[in-house]
Protein backbone atom coordinates (compact mmCIF):
# COMPACT_ATOMS: atom_id res chain seq x y z
CA MET A 1 -6.04 -22.96 -5.05
CA THR A 2 -7.47 -24.81 -1.37
CA GLN A 3 -6.55 -22.97 1.49
CA SER A 4 -3.45 -23.64 3.06
CA THR A 5 -1.97 -23.46 -0.73
CA VAL A 6 -2.52 -20.50 -0.91
CA THR A 7 -0.77 -19.80 2.70
CA GLN A 8 1.42 -21.91 1.98
CA THR A 9 2.19 -20.06 -1.89
CA VAL A 10 2.63 -16.48 -0.82
CA SER A 11 4.97 -18.21 2.41
CA ILE A 12 7.30 -20.08 -0.26
CA TRP A 13 6.73 -16.39 -2.81
CA LEU A 14 8.28 -14.63 1.18
CA GLN A 15 10.86 -16.96 1.77
CA GLN A 16 12.28 -16.21 -1.58
CA ILE A 17 11.92 -12.64 -0.98
CA SER A 18 13.43 -13.41 2.02
CA GLN A 19 16.99 -15.45 0.63
CA ALA A 20 17.28 -12.16 -1.97
CA ILE A 21 17.39 -9.67 0.90
CA GLY A 22 18.69 -11.22 3.35
CA VAL A 23 15.94 -9.95 5.91
CA GLU A 24 13.64 -12.87 7.59
CA LEU A 25 10.23 -12.28 6.03
CA THR A 26 7.10 -15.00 7.74
CA LEU A 27 3.40 -15.00 7.67
CA ARG A 28 1.89 -14.50 11.18
CA GLU A 29 -0.29 -17.53 11.90
CA ASP A 30 -2.66 -14.85 11.52
CA GLY A 31 -2.06 -14.76 7.71
CA HIS A 32 -0.71 -11.28 7.89
CA ILE A 33 2.94 -9.40 8.41
CA GLU A 34 3.56 -6.59 8.56
CA LEU A 35 7.43 -5.46 7.04
CA ALA A 36 9.05 -2.04 8.28
CA CYS A 37 10.30 -0.17 5.39
CA SER A 38 10.78 3.09 7.29
CA ASP A 39 10.76 5.27 10.40
CA LYS A 40 7.39 6.75 8.37
CA ALA A 41 6.06 3.59 6.48
CA THR A 42 5.00 0.13 7.53
CA VAL A 43 3.12 -1.99 4.82
CA THR A 44 1.00 -5.21 6.18
CA LEU A 45 -0.15 -8.09 3.56
CA GLU A 46 -3.20 -10.71 4.23
CA ILE A 47 -3.92 -13.51 3.32
CA SER A 48 -8.14 -14.27 2.97
CA GLU A 49 -7.47 -18.15 2.18
CA LYS A 50 -11.35 -17.85 1.96
CA TYR A 51 -10.99 -15.17 -0.89
CA GLU A 52 -8.08 -16.89 -2.02
CA LEU A 53 -6.50 -13.27 -2.29
CA VAL A 54 -3.51 -11.40 -0.59
CA TYR A 55 -3.86 -7.59 0.57
CA PHE A 56 -1.52 -5.28 0.50
CA TYR A 57 -2.59 -1.90 2.54
CA ALA A 58 0.37 1.23 4.07
CA ASP A 59 -1.41 3.98 6.81
CA LEU A 60 -0.06 7.33 4.14
CA LEU A 61 -0.90 9.86 7.41
CA SER A 62 -4.08 10.34 10.73
CA LEU A 63 -6.59 12.47 9.90
CA PRO A 64 -7.89 15.53 11.85
CA LYS A 65 -10.12 14.44 14.34
CA THR A 66 -13.49 17.54 13.11
CA SER A 67 -14.79 16.84 9.10
CA THR A 68 -14.59 20.05 8.62
CA ASP A 69 -10.67 19.47 8.50
CA ARG A 70 -10.79 16.21 7.23
CA GLU A 71 -12.18 17.64 4.13
CA PRO A 72 -8.84 19.00 2.22
CA PHE A 73 -7.35 15.54 2.90
CA TYR A 74 -9.94 13.12 1.26
CA ARG A 75 -9.88 16.26 -1.57
CA ARG A 76 -6.60 15.27 -2.35
CA ALA A 77 -6.92 11.74 -1.92
CA LEU A 78 -9.84 11.65 -4.74
CA GLU A 79 -7.73 13.65 -6.97
CA LEU A 80 -4.81 11.11 -6.68
CA ASN A 81 -7.27 7.95 -6.91
CA GLY A 82 -8.96 9.57 -10.02
CA PHE A 83 -7.68 7.61 -13.33
CA ASN A 84 -4.79 6.23 -10.54
CA ILE A 85 -2.46 8.21 -12.41
CA ALA A 86 -0.80 9.20 -9.21
CA THR A 87 -1.27 5.22 -7.07
CA GLY A 88 -1.73 2.39 -10.26
CA ALA A 89 -2.80 0.06 -9.53
CA ALA A 90 -2.89 0.66 -5.83
CA SER A 91 -5.69 3.26 -4.01
CA ILE A 92 -5.98 5.89 -1.18
CA SER A 93 -8.92 4.75 1.12
CA LEU A 94 -9.99 5.15 4.39
CA ASP A 95 -10.29 3.62 7.24
CA PRO A 96 -11.87 4.61 9.59
CA ARG A 97 -11.51 2.01 12.08
CA ARG A 98 -8.17 3.65 12.69
CA ASP A 99 -9.14 7.02 11.70
CA THR A 100 -5.98 7.20 8.59
CA LEU A 101 -5.46 7.41 5.17
CA THR A 102 -4.77 3.99 3.44
CA LEU A 103 -2.85 2.75 0.54
CA THR A 104 -4.74 -0.48 -1.05
CA VAL A 105 -4.27 -3.01 -3.53
CA MET A 106 -5.66 -6.46 -3.59
CA GLU A 107 -4.17 -9.22 -6.06
CA LYS A 108 -6.11 -13.58 -6.06
CA VAL A 109 -2.85 -15.66 -5.37
CA SER A 110 -3.94 -18.23 -7.92
CA ALA A 111 -3.50 -15.09 -10.98
CA MET A 112 0.66 -14.73 -9.31
CA THR A 113 3.65 -16.04 -9.47
CA ALA A 114 6.24 -15.74 -6.61
CA ASP A 115 7.79 -13.02 -10.24
CA SER A 116 4.50 -10.90 -9.80
CA PHE A 117 4.57 -11.42 -6.15
CA ALA A 118 7.52 -9.97 -5.89
CA SER A 119 7.03 -6.70 -7.90
CA THR A 120 3.63 -6.39 -6.30
CA LEU A 121 5.36 -6.16 -2.97
CA ASN A 122 8.47 -3.66 -4.67
CA ASP A 123 6.02 -1.24 -6.49
CA PHE A 124 3.72 -1.10 -3.09
CA ILE A 125 6.66 -0.07 -1.13
CA SER A 126 8.28 2.00 -3.92
CA LEU A 127 4.77 4.15 -4.10
CA THR A 128 3.41 4.05 -0.73
CA LEU A 129 7.02 5.73 0.39
CA SER A 130 6.81 8.24 -2.28
CA LEU A 131 3.45 9.24 -1.34
CA ILE A 132 4.53 9.88 1.93
CA GLU A 133 7.83 11.01 1.39
CA ASN A 134 6.64 13.79 -0.77
CA ASN A 135 3.97 15.23 1.12
CA VAL A 136 1.65 14.69 -1.78
CA LEU A 137 -1.71 14.23 0.52
CA LEU A 138 -0.65 16.96 2.92
CA PRO A 139 -3.18 20.06 1.56
CA GLU A 140 -1.36 22.73 2.70
CA VAL A 141 1.67 21.88 0.78
CA ASN A 142 -0.03 20.91 -2.26
CA GLN A 143 -2.99 23.85 -2.30
CA THR A 144 0.47 26.39 -1.80
CA SER A 145 2.22 24.30 -4.95
CA GLN A 146 0.92 22.68 -6.91
CA PRO A 147 4.55 21.69 -9.01
CA VAL A 148 4.37 18.77 -6.03
CA THR A 149 1.97 16.89 -7.10
CA ASP A 150 3.22 17.00 -10.66
CA LYS A 151 5.97 16.69 -10.78
CA PHE A 152 5.05 13.07 -8.67
CA ILE A 153 2.36 12.10 -11.08
CA ARG A 154 5.54 12.72 -14.03
CA SER A 155 7.64 10.55 -11.98
CA LEU A 156 5.05 7.91 -12.07
CA VAL A 157 4.18 8.52 -15.57
């Protein structure tokens, strides 16, 4: 794919989704789009023309200021990333620029179809909302209530 083809392809796929859901989805000139999925969740898509990739990412939570207070959150993220049972193809990552835990996934645009793109976007939004709504990254919820995580994981497999 050429650089302009990557952006054009994703733009066409977003137009097809727009028609299906009745909401305009358009990439900005810089190759980004933010999708407000709820009052707590925004999913960002970013196109890398150079590498022919599309990145999906969403902030899951802001981290506490001190490293001692952050450790339980890192632990939860690593547990959830284990074997990708709770995250599927996505990963929970640290965004050091904004001190957030972020759900991330990337795909090669040339390896996708309109259907697989729409499916990946839908699955990513659903996973983002589930992780946030079920509070699975909050250590105080999960340390006292392990069944919350178990129930969440069972709902995914």
